[in-house]
Protein backbone atom coordinates (compact mmCIF):
# COMPACT_ATOMS: atom_id res chain seq x y z
CA MET A 1 -6.40 -13.72 8.45
CA SER A 2 -4.68 -16.67 6.74
CA ARG A 3 -1.64 -16.72 4.72
CA GLY A 4 -3.34 -17.14 1.43
CA ILE A 5 -5.85 -14.49 2.04
CA VAL A 6 -2.82 -12.19 2.91
CA ALA A 7 -0.80 -12.79 -0.06
CA LEU A 8 -3.85 -11.71 -2.37
CA GLU A 9 -5.54 -9.01 0.02
CA GLU A 10 -3.70 -6.10 -1.26
CA HIS A 11 -4.52 -6.52 -4.69
CA LYS A 12 -8.25 -7.05 -4.51
CA ALA A 13 -8.77 -3.99 -6.87
CA VAL A 14 -7.48 -6.17 -9.74
CA GLY A 15 -10.33 -8.29 -10.06
CA VAL A 16 -13.77 -8.53 -11.94
CA ARG A 17 -17.29 -8.25 -11.20
CA GLY A 18 -19.30 -11.49 -11.23
CA ASP A 19 -21.03 -10.51 -14.30
CA GLU A 20 -17.91 -10.02 -16.14
CA ALA A 21 -16.07 -13.14 -14.98
CA LYS A 22 -17.26 -14.81 -17.87
CA VAL A 23 -14.90 -13.05 -20.12
CA LEU A 24 -12.13 -14.50 -18.61
CA SER A 25 -10.63 -17.86 -18.77
CA SER A 26 -9.45 -19.85 -16.05
CA ASP A 27 -6.07 -19.70 -17.39
CA SER A 28 -6.42 -15.74 -17.28
CA ILE A 29 -7.35 -15.73 -13.80
CA ALA A 30 -4.41 -18.24 -12.94
CA ALA A 31 -2.23 -15.54 -14.72
CA VAL A 32 -3.36 -12.67 -12.84
CA VAL A 33 -3.27 -14.54 -9.42
CA ALA A 34 0.17 -15.81 -10.03
CA ARG A 35 1.28 -12.10 -10.86
CA MET A 36 -0.12 -10.94 -7.49
CA LEU A 37 1.88 -13.51 -5.83
CA GLU A 38 5.03 -12.72 -7.76
CA ARG A 39 4.37 -8.91 -6.49
CA LYS A 40 4.55 -10.60 -2.76
CA GLY A 41 7.95 -12.02 -3.56
CA TYR A 42 6.52 -15.55 -4.40
CA THR A 43 7.99 -17.80 -7.13
CA THR A 44 5.18 -19.45 -9.38
CA HIS A 45 4.43 -21.96 -11.79
CA ARG A 46 1.47 -22.35 -13.95
CA HIS A 47 0.15 -26.16 -14.44
CA TYR A 48 2.64 -27.52 -12.04
CA VAL A 49 2.58 -31.06 -11.24
CA VAL A 50 2.95 -31.89 -7.48
CA GLU A 51 4.01 -35.27 -6.36
CA GLY A 52 2.04 -36.23 -3.24
CA VAL A 53 1.82 -39.16 -0.84
CA GLY A 54 2.45 -42.36 -2.43
CA GLY A 55 3.72 -41.11 -5.76
CA ILE A 56 0.19 -39.76 -7.09
CA LYS A 57 0.93 -36.87 -9.04
CA HIS A 58 -1.66 -33.63 -8.98
CA VAL A 59 -1.61 -30.90 -11.35
CA VAL A 60 -2.07 -27.32 -9.44
CA ASP A 61 -3.27 -24.48 -11.27
CA VAL A 62 -0.73 -22.01 -9.49
CA PHE A 63 1.84 -23.31 -7.32
CA ALA A 64 3.69 -20.66 -5.22
CA GLU A 65 6.55 -20.73 -2.93
CA LYS A 66 8.58 -18.19 -0.97
CA GLU A 67 11.52 -18.42 1.78
CA PRO A 68 10.41 -15.40 4.36
CA LEU A 69 13.25 -16.72 6.56
CA PRO A 70 16.66 -18.87 6.04
CA ARG A 71 15.61 -22.52 5.77
CA THR A 72 11.94 -21.89 6.06
CA ARG A 73 9.57 -22.21 2.89
CA VAL A 74 5.74 -21.73 2.20
CA ARG A 75 4.17 -23.28 -0.18
CA ILE A 76 0.89 -22.30 -1.71
CA ALA A 77 -1.41 -24.64 -3.73
CA ILE A 78 -4.18 -22.56 -5.90
CA TRP A 79 -6.85 -24.17 -7.88
CA ILE A 80 -9.12 -22.13 -10.21
CA HIS A 81 -12.53 -23.87 -9.64
CA GLN A 82 -15.08 -23.45 -12.49
CA GLY A 83 -18.78 -23.34 -11.78
CA ARG A 84 -20.39 -23.32 -8.36
CA LEU A 85 -18.33 -24.83 -5.25
CA THR A 86 -20.14 -27.46 -3.44
CA LYS A 87 -19.62 -29.27 -0.35
CA ASP A 88 -18.54 -32.21 -2.35
CA ASN A 89 -16.01 -30.08 -4.32
CA VAL A 90 -14.52 -29.04 -1.02
CA GLU A 91 -13.96 -32.60 0.02
CA THR A 92 -12.14 -33.24 -3.17
CA TYR A 93 -9.80 -30.43 -2.04
CA ILE A 94 -9.20 -31.45 1.55
CA ALA A 95 -8.35 -34.66 0.42
CA ARG A 96 -5.78 -32.98 -2.20
CA LYS A 97 -4.51 -30.97 0.53
CA ALA A 98 -3.91 -34.04 2.88
CA LEU A 99 -1.69 -35.89 0.01
CA LEU A 100 0.33 -32.52 -1.19
CA PRO A 101 3.37 -31.26 0.55
CA VAL A 102 1.89 -27.54 0.65
CA ASP A 103 1.32 -25.19 3.58
CA LYS A 104 -1.76 -23.58 2.32
CA VAL A 105 -4.58 -24.63 -0.54
CA ILE A 106 -6.63 -21.54 -2.00
CA VAL A 107 -9.71 -22.25 -4.15
CA VAL A 108 -10.53 -19.31 -6.58
CA VAL A 109 -14.33 -19.73 -7.46
CA LEU A 110 -15.86 -18.38 -10.86
CA LYS A 111 -19.40 -18.43 -9.53
CA ASP A 112 -21.25 -18.71 -6.10
CA VAL A 113 -20.33 -20.98 -3.01
CA GLU A 114 -22.70 -23.38 -1.06
CA PRO A 115 -22.77 -21.86 2.53
CA GLU A 116 -21.86 -25.63 3.81
CA ALA A 117 -19.18 -25.60 1.69
CA TYR A 118 -17.72 -22.33 2.71
CA ALA A 119 -17.90 -23.44 6.29
CA LEU A 120 -16.38 -26.72 5.45
CA ALA A 121 -13.25 -25.22 3.70
CA HIS A 122 -12.88 -22.83 6.71
CA ASN A 123 -12.58 -25.46 9.17
CA PHE A 124 -9.96 -27.44 7.14
CA ASP A 125 -8.00 -24.06 6.62
CA ILE A 126 -8.71 -23.81 2.89
CA ASP A 127 -9.51 -20.39 1.58
CA VAL A 128 -12.24 -19.70 -0.64
CA LEU A 129 -11.74 -16.66 -2.75
CA SER A 130 -14.77 -15.66 -4.75
CA LEU A 131 -14.10 -13.64 -8.05
CA SER A 132 -17.07 -11.46 -7.61
CA GLU A 133 -16.27 -10.56 -4.07
CA ASP A 134 -12.71 -11.05 -3.37
CA LEU A 135 -10.81 -10.44 -6.62
CA LYS A 136 -12.72 -7.48 -8.16
CA PHE A 137 -11.16 -7.02 -11.80
CA THR A 138 -12.00 -3.45 -13.33
CA PRO A 139 -13.96 -3.33 -16.44
CA GLU A 140 -10.66 -1.80 -18.04
CA ALA A 141 -8.72 -5.03 -16.85
CA VAL A 142 -11.29 -7.26 -18.40
CA GLU A 143 -11.09 -5.43 -21.83
CA ARG A 144 -7.53 -5.21 -22.00
CA GLY A 145 -6.62 -8.76 -20.79
CA VAL A 146 -4.90 -10.43 -18.24
CA PHE A 147 -0.89 -10.57 -18.31
CA ARG A 148 2.16 -10.06 -16.81
CA GLU A 149 5.18 -7.15 -17.53
CA LEU A 150 8.32 -7.86 -17.54
CA HIS A 151 11.45 -5.90 -19.49
CA ILE A 152 14.45 -6.73 -21.04
CA HIS A 153 17.43 -4.87 -19.88
CA PRO A 154 19.68 -3.97 -22.74
CA SER A 155 23.32 -5.70 -23.22
CA ILE A 156 24.52 -2.45 -25.19
CA ASP A 157 25.06 0.70 -22.69
CA TYR A 158 24.51 4.12 -23.86
CA GLU A 159 28.15 4.81 -24.60
CA HIS A 160 28.11 1.86 -27.20
CA ALA A 161 24.82 2.50 -28.73
CA LEU A 162 25.75 6.10 -29.36
CA GLY A 163 28.78 5.12 -31.35
CA ILE A 164 26.46 2.73 -33.40
CA LEU A 165 24.29 5.41 -34.29
CA LYS A 166 26.72 8.03 -34.88
CA GLY A 167 28.30 5.52 -37.46
CA LYS A 168 24.92 5.18 -39.21
CA ILE A 169 24.68 8.61 -40.27
CA ARG A 170 28.55 10.19 -40.40
CA PRO A 171 29.37 11.03 -43.93
CA GLY A 172 31.78 8.55 -45.86
CA LEU A 173 34.22 8.83 -48.90
CA PHE A 174 30.94 8.42 -51.46
CA ARG A 175 28.19 9.55 -49.16
CA LYS A 176 26.89 13.05 -47.61
CA ARG A 177 25.63 12.95 -44.15
CA ILE A 178 22.31 11.43 -43.81
CA CYS A 179 20.55 13.58 -41.81
CA LYS A 180 20.92 16.08 -39.08
CA PRO A 181 20.70 14.65 -35.49
CA GLU A 182 18.59 15.99 -33.12
CA GLY A 183 18.76 13.34 -30.32
CA TYR A 184 18.57 9.93 -29.01
CA ALA A 185 16.94 7.92 -26.31
CA ARG A 186 16.87 4.55 -25.07
CA VAL A 187 13.21 3.38 -25.96
CA TYR A 188 11.08 0.34 -24.60
CA LEU A 189 8.90 -0.88 -27.17
CA PRO A 190 5.88 -3.25 -25.92
CA LEU A 191 5.35 -6.47 -27.41
CA VAL A 192 2.81 -8.92 -26.66
CA SER A 193 3.85 -12.62 -25.96
CA ILE A 194 1.62 -15.31 -26.05
CA SER A 195 2.69 -18.80 -24.95
CA VAL A 196 0.38 -21.54 -25.93
CA GLU A 197 -0.22 -25.27 -26.72
CA ILE A 198 -2.10 -25.55 -29.71
CA PRO A 199 -3.30 -28.72 -31.82
CA VAL A 200 -1.67 -28.77 -35.28
CA ARG A 201 -2.23 -31.02 -38.33
CA ARG A 202 0.61 -30.78 -40.73
CA TYR A 203 0.36 -31.45 -44.42
CA GLY A 204 -0.30 -34.82 -45.33
CA GLU A 205 -0.66 -36.17 -41.64
CA GLU A 206 -4.09 -37.41 -40.40
CA GLU A 207 -3.72 -36.94 -36.37
CA LEU A 208 -3.31 -33.84 -34.88
CA THR A 209 -0.44 -33.32 -32.63
CA VAL A 210 -0.27 -30.64 -29.84
CA GLU A 211 2.57 -28.12 -30.34
CA GLU A 212 4.03 -25.64 -27.84
CA THR A 213 4.80 -22.36 -29.18
CA THR A 214 5.09 -18.38 -28.64
CA LEU A 215 3.06 -15.94 -30.67
CA THR A 216 4.34 -12.42 -30.73
CA PHE A 217 2.65 -9.24 -31.68
CA ASP A 218 3.82 -5.54 -31.42
CA GLY A 219 1.91 -3.60 -28.71
CA VAL A 220 1.22 -0.81 -30.59
CA GLU A 221 -0.40 -1.74 -33.51
CA GLY A 222 -0.96 -5.78 -33.13
CA TYR A 223 1.52 -6.84 -36.14
CA ALA A 224 3.05 -10.20 -36.33
CA VAL A 225 6.96 -9.86 -34.76
CA VAL A 226 9.26 -11.98 -36.69
CA PRO A 227 12.85 -12.61 -36.69
CA SER A 228 14.91 -9.84 -39.13
CA ASN A 229 18.55 -9.67 -39.69
CA GLY A 230 19.57 -10.52 -36.32
CA THR A 231 17.03 -8.23 -34.41
CA ILE A 232 13.30 -8.48 -34.74
CA GLY A 233 10.61 -6.90 -36.96
CA ILE A 234 7.16 -6.48 -37.96
CA GLU A 235 5.36 -8.17 -40.96
CA GLU A 236 3.09 -5.36 -41.77
CA SER A 237 1.75 -6.88 -45.22
CA MET A 238 -0.56 -9.44 -42.54
CA GLY A 239 -2.03 -6.26 -41.08
CA SER A 240 -2.91 -6.12 -37.31
CA PHE A 241 -3.88 -9.30 -35.45
CA SER A 242 -5.46 -7.16 -32.64
CA GLU A 243 -7.93 -5.77 -35.07
CA ILE A 244 -9.09 -8.95 -36.63
CA SER A 245 -13.25 -8.96 -36.82
CA GLN A 246 -15.56 -11.19 -34.94
CA ASP A 247 -16.51 -12.97 -37.87
CA ALA A 248 -12.80 -13.96 -38.75
CA ILE A 249 -12.80 -15.37 -35.07
CA GLU A 250 -16.01 -17.45 -35.81
CA VAL A 251 -14.52 -18.71 -39.16
CA LEU A 252 -11.24 -19.95 -37.22
CA ARG A 253 -13.60 -21.48 -34.43
CA ARG A 254 -15.29 -23.73 -36.99
CA LEU A 255 -12.31 -24.45 -39.20
CA SER A 256 -10.05 -25.31 -36.01
CA ILE A 257 -12.83 -28.15 -35.35
CA HIS A 258 -13.24 -29.43 -38.55
CA ASN A 259 -10.08 -28.29 -40.62
CA THR A 260 -11.77 -27.79 -43.92
CA VAL A 261 -15.07 -26.72 -44.58
CA SER A 262 -17.01 -25.38 -47.66
CA MET A 263 -17.85 -21.61 -48.05
CA SER A 264 -21.43 -22.15 -48.05
CA GLU A 265 -21.41 -24.28 -44.95
CA LEU A 266 -19.32 -21.74 -43.36
CA ALA A 267 -21.54 -18.58 -44.33
CA THR A 268 -24.84 -20.70 -43.22
CA SER A 269 -23.32 -21.54 -39.85
CA ILE A 270 -21.95 -17.97 -38.85
CA GLY A 271 -24.80 -16.34 -40.57
CA ILE A 272 -22.93 -13.84 -43.15
CA SER A 273 -23.39 -13.89 -46.66
CA GLU A 274 -20.83 -15.46 -49.05
CA ALA A 275 -19.77 -12.08 -50.02
CA ARG A 276 -19.00 -10.92 -46.74
CA LEU A 277 -17.24 -14.50 -45.89
CA LYS A 278 -15.17 -14.20 -49.05
CA ALA A 279 -13.69 -10.87 -47.90
CA VAL A 280 -13.15 -12.53 -44.52
CA LEU A 281 -11.40 -15.33 -45.87
CA ASP A 282 -9.23 -13.18 -47.90
CA SER A 283 -8.07 -11.09 -44.83
CA LEU A 284 -7.16 -14.58 -43.04
CA ALA A 285 -5.49 -15.75 -46.45
CA SER A 286 -3.31 -12.84 -46.06
CA LYS A 287 -2.49 -13.34 -42.57
CA SER A 288 -1.40 -17.01 -43.64
CA LEU A 289 -4.12 -18.78 -41.51
CA VAL A 290 -6.03 -19.80 -43.85
CA ASP A 291 -6.14 -21.56 -47.48
CA ILE A 292 -8.47 -21.48 -50.16
CA PHE A 293 -9.02 -24.06 -52.70
CA GLY A 294 -12.00 -23.23 -54.77
CA ASP A 295 -15.26 -23.72 -52.73
CA LEU A 296 -13.11 -24.86 -49.77
CA ALA A 297 -11.54 -23.02 -46.91
CA GLU A 298 -8.81 -24.82 -45.01
CA LEU A 299 -6.88 -23.86 -41.65
CA ARG A 300 -2.89 -23.20 -42.20
CA TYR A 301 -0.54 -23.63 -39.65
CA THR A 302 2.81 -22.19 -41.15
CA LEU A 303 2.26 -18.85 -39.34
CA LEU A 304 2.96 -20.40 -35.98
CA THR A 305 6.51 -21.19 -36.84
CA SER A 306 7.11 -17.80 -38.01
CA PHE A 307 7.13 -15.89 -34.94
CA ALA A 308 10.12 -14.37 -32.94
CA ASP A 309 10.41 -15.36 -28.94
CA PRO A 310 11.72 -12.16 -27.02
CA LEU A 311 12.59 -14.10 -24.25
CA LYS A 312 14.31 -16.59 -26.07
CA ILE A 313 16.26 -14.12 -27.73
CA ALA A 314 17.47 -12.51 -24.42
CA ARG A 315 18.39 -15.88 -23.06
CA GLU A 316 20.54 -16.46 -25.90
CA ARG A 317 22.06 -12.91 -25.78
CA GLY A 318 22.70 -13.44 -22.07
CA ALA A 319 20.25 -10.42 -21.43
CA ASP A 320 18.71 -9.82 -18.07
CA VAL A 321 15.05 -10.22 -17.93
CA ARG A 322 13.40 -8.23 -15.04
CA LEU A 323 9.60 -8.14 -13.75
CA GLY A 324 7.65 -5.36 -14.26
CA ALA A 325 7.43 -2.50 -16.81
CA PRO A 326 10.81 -0.34 -16.78
CA LEU A 327 11.05 2.64 -14.90
CA ASP A 328 10.98 6.43 -16.53
CA LYS A 329 14.57 6.60 -15.59
CA GLU A 330 15.67 3.41 -17.56
CA GLY A 331 14.17 5.02 -20.88
CA ILE A 332 11.27 6.10 -22.74
CA VAL A 333 8.45 3.57 -22.37
CA VAL A 334 6.31 3.33 -25.44
CA PRO A 335 2.40 2.59 -23.86
CA LEU A 336 0.54 -0.57 -24.77
CA ARG A 337 -2.33 0.15 -27.21
CA ALA A 338 -2.90 -3.24 -28.91
CA ASN A 339 -6.05 -4.94 -27.90
CA ILE A 340 -4.69 -8.03 -25.80
CA SER A 341 -8.13 -9.66 -25.29
CA ARG A 342 -8.90 -10.22 -29.05
CA LEU A 343 -5.18 -11.62 -29.22
CA THR A 344 -6.09 -14.11 -26.66
CA GLU A 345 -9.38 -14.69 -28.56
CA LEU A 346 -7.49 -15.38 -31.50
CA VAL A 347 -5.47 -17.98 -29.97
CA GLU A 348 -8.63 -19.79 -28.13
CA ALA A 349 -10.52 -19.55 -31.57
CA LEU A 350 -7.73 -21.92 -33.12
CA GLN A 351 -8.24 -24.41 -30.03
CA GLY A 352 -5.25 -23.13 -28.21
CA ARG A 353 -4.57 -23.27 -24.44
CA ILE A 354 -2.76 -20.13 -23.31
CA LEU A 355 0.09 -20.80 -20.74
CA ASP A 356 1.13 -17.74 -20.37
CA THR A 357 0.47 -13.95 -21.66
CA SER A 358 3.28 -11.44 -20.95
CA VAL A 359 3.88 -8.03 -22.34
CA ILE A 360 7.27 -7.69 -22.90
CA TYR A 361 9.21 -4.22 -22.87
CA TYR A 362 11.87 -4.60 -25.82
CA PRO A 363 15.08 -2.28 -25.70
CA LEU A 364 15.94 -0.38 -28.40
CA TYR A 365 18.22 2.78 -29.06
CA VAL A 366 16.78 5.36 -31.25
CA LEU A 367 18.25 8.32 -32.88
CA SER A 368 16.04 11.39 -34.33
CA CYS A 369 17.40 13.42 -37.06
CA ARG A 370 16.08 15.78 -39.87
CA GLU A 371 16.18 15.33 -43.65
CA ASN A 372 15.95 18.54 -46.00
CA GLY A 373 15.58 20.52 -42.85
CA HIS A 374 12.40 19.65 -41.90
CA GLN A 375 11.54 15.72 -42.61
CA VAL A 376 11.95 13.77 -39.27
CA LYS A 377 13.91 10.37 -40.03
CA ILE A 378 14.25 7.97 -37.09
CA ILE A 379 17.24 5.28 -37.02
CA ALA A 380 16.90 2.48 -34.45
CA ILE A 381 19.22 -0.27 -33.29
CA ASP A 382 18.54 -3.45 -31.25
CA GLY A 383 19.59 -2.82 -27.33
CA LEU A 384 20.72 -6.58 -27.33
CA SER A 385 22.33 -7.27 -30.52
CA GLY A 386 23.26 -3.67 -32.13
CA GLU A 387 22.02 -4.60 -35.35
CA GLU A 388 19.78 -1.86 -37.13
CA SER A 389 16.06 -2.48 -36.34
CA GLY A 390 14.92 -1.07 -39.84
CA GLY A 391 11.64 -3.29 -39.45
CA LEU A 392 10.57 -1.35 -36.42
CA VAL A 393 11.20 2.06 -37.75
CA LYS A 394 7.47 2.24 -39.16
CA LEU A 395 6.13 1.75 -35.51
CA LEU A 396 8.58 4.26 -34.11
CA SER A 397 7.65 7.00 -36.72
CA MET A 398 3.90 6.78 -36.09
CA ARG A 399 2.69 10.26 -34.96
CA GLU A 400 1.60 9.07 -31.28
CA VAL A 401 4.82 7.12 -30.68
CA LEU A 402 7.01 9.94 -32.52
CA ASP A 403 5.68 12.40 -30.33
CA ILE A 404 6.55 10.44 -27.21
CA ILE A 405 9.92 9.70 -28.35
CA SER A 406 10.61 13.44 -29.09
CA SER A 407 9.79 14.51 -25.56
CA GLY A 408 12.24 12.48 -23.88
CA LEU A 409 15.35 12.81 -26.46
CA ARG A 410 18.97 13.51 -25.01
CA PRO A 411 20.41 16.38 -26.94
CA PHE A 412 22.80 15.18 -29.54
CA GLU A 413 25.41 17.78 -29.06
CA LYS A 414 26.09 16.97 -25.55
CA ALA A 415 26.72 13.52 -26.51
């Protein structure tokens, strides 16, 4: 078995059946292949430019490298092949392999493979992986979307965090104790972070410009995550983006192509009533995605600059970003509930090209206490800045999340 196959063999169960492959974009498949290789110790790069013989540059969907022994390096170039793989296609990959400084070429095929193409690839040591046979994604993986998991290690330790939390409830000269503390914990909240390149037409400009940005949503309800007083918060007023309707997705698809469209034309092209369209447009307007001028609907881009970037925040704070979800011993991990597939579908409806989709577990310290002897109150601080995270309390106070937090609290009296 060749090295490329060995690298991916262990993770065949993470793939999709052929009839489900159409649900995933090539970017999504590249993301999961990169994640598989990262688990095997490879460093991966997406949409990587490799300079070959004669200075000719080639874009590789996934470029992976690893040092299995000192002063030795294994380099793998992986392409996601749309459609059927033919003998002519393989000859192109053979030429690329000859020109590039790589040890292995892998082609992940989204459809079927001509028998002659497979034999030719084998003769030139090119591995062909079929999405329907070698990378069998489960239906659940397709439904949830393809992503990698990261977690940010807090900059503030338990002792420091506890001191801050105690200060939040300590009685002062002119105030009584806010509530009776019950317990505290380090909590990791899932955030869905999507790095994209997206075409934008700014106000007063005729030309589209492609901008790179990061869209971040909470992984519980799918609200937009924004900067908030030295920490992060949610824009609850915009509603959930992971529950956006299919009609809204279709409206955004058409507006992203034409920018401004009349309501009657939109309703006809999508096949819905004008009354239903008005409700959809009102919902999109509340999310700062659409402006309405009389009978005209226009795509709006201001939302794209509003999101918080958790990895950028971590870098600025000097925090350690680690691969994978946090271990149970590191804190309470709030499970992911938001529909990632709908979030990526939203990005693609805006003509965005997804560069990376990550679930980032963000650290918080949470104190649970009781007001008036019975009502539970949550106080949270950011695990990186130490600032109070009042903007996230609504999520942490949801019954399902609160039950998870309550089951793992450390007793406050022992602190």
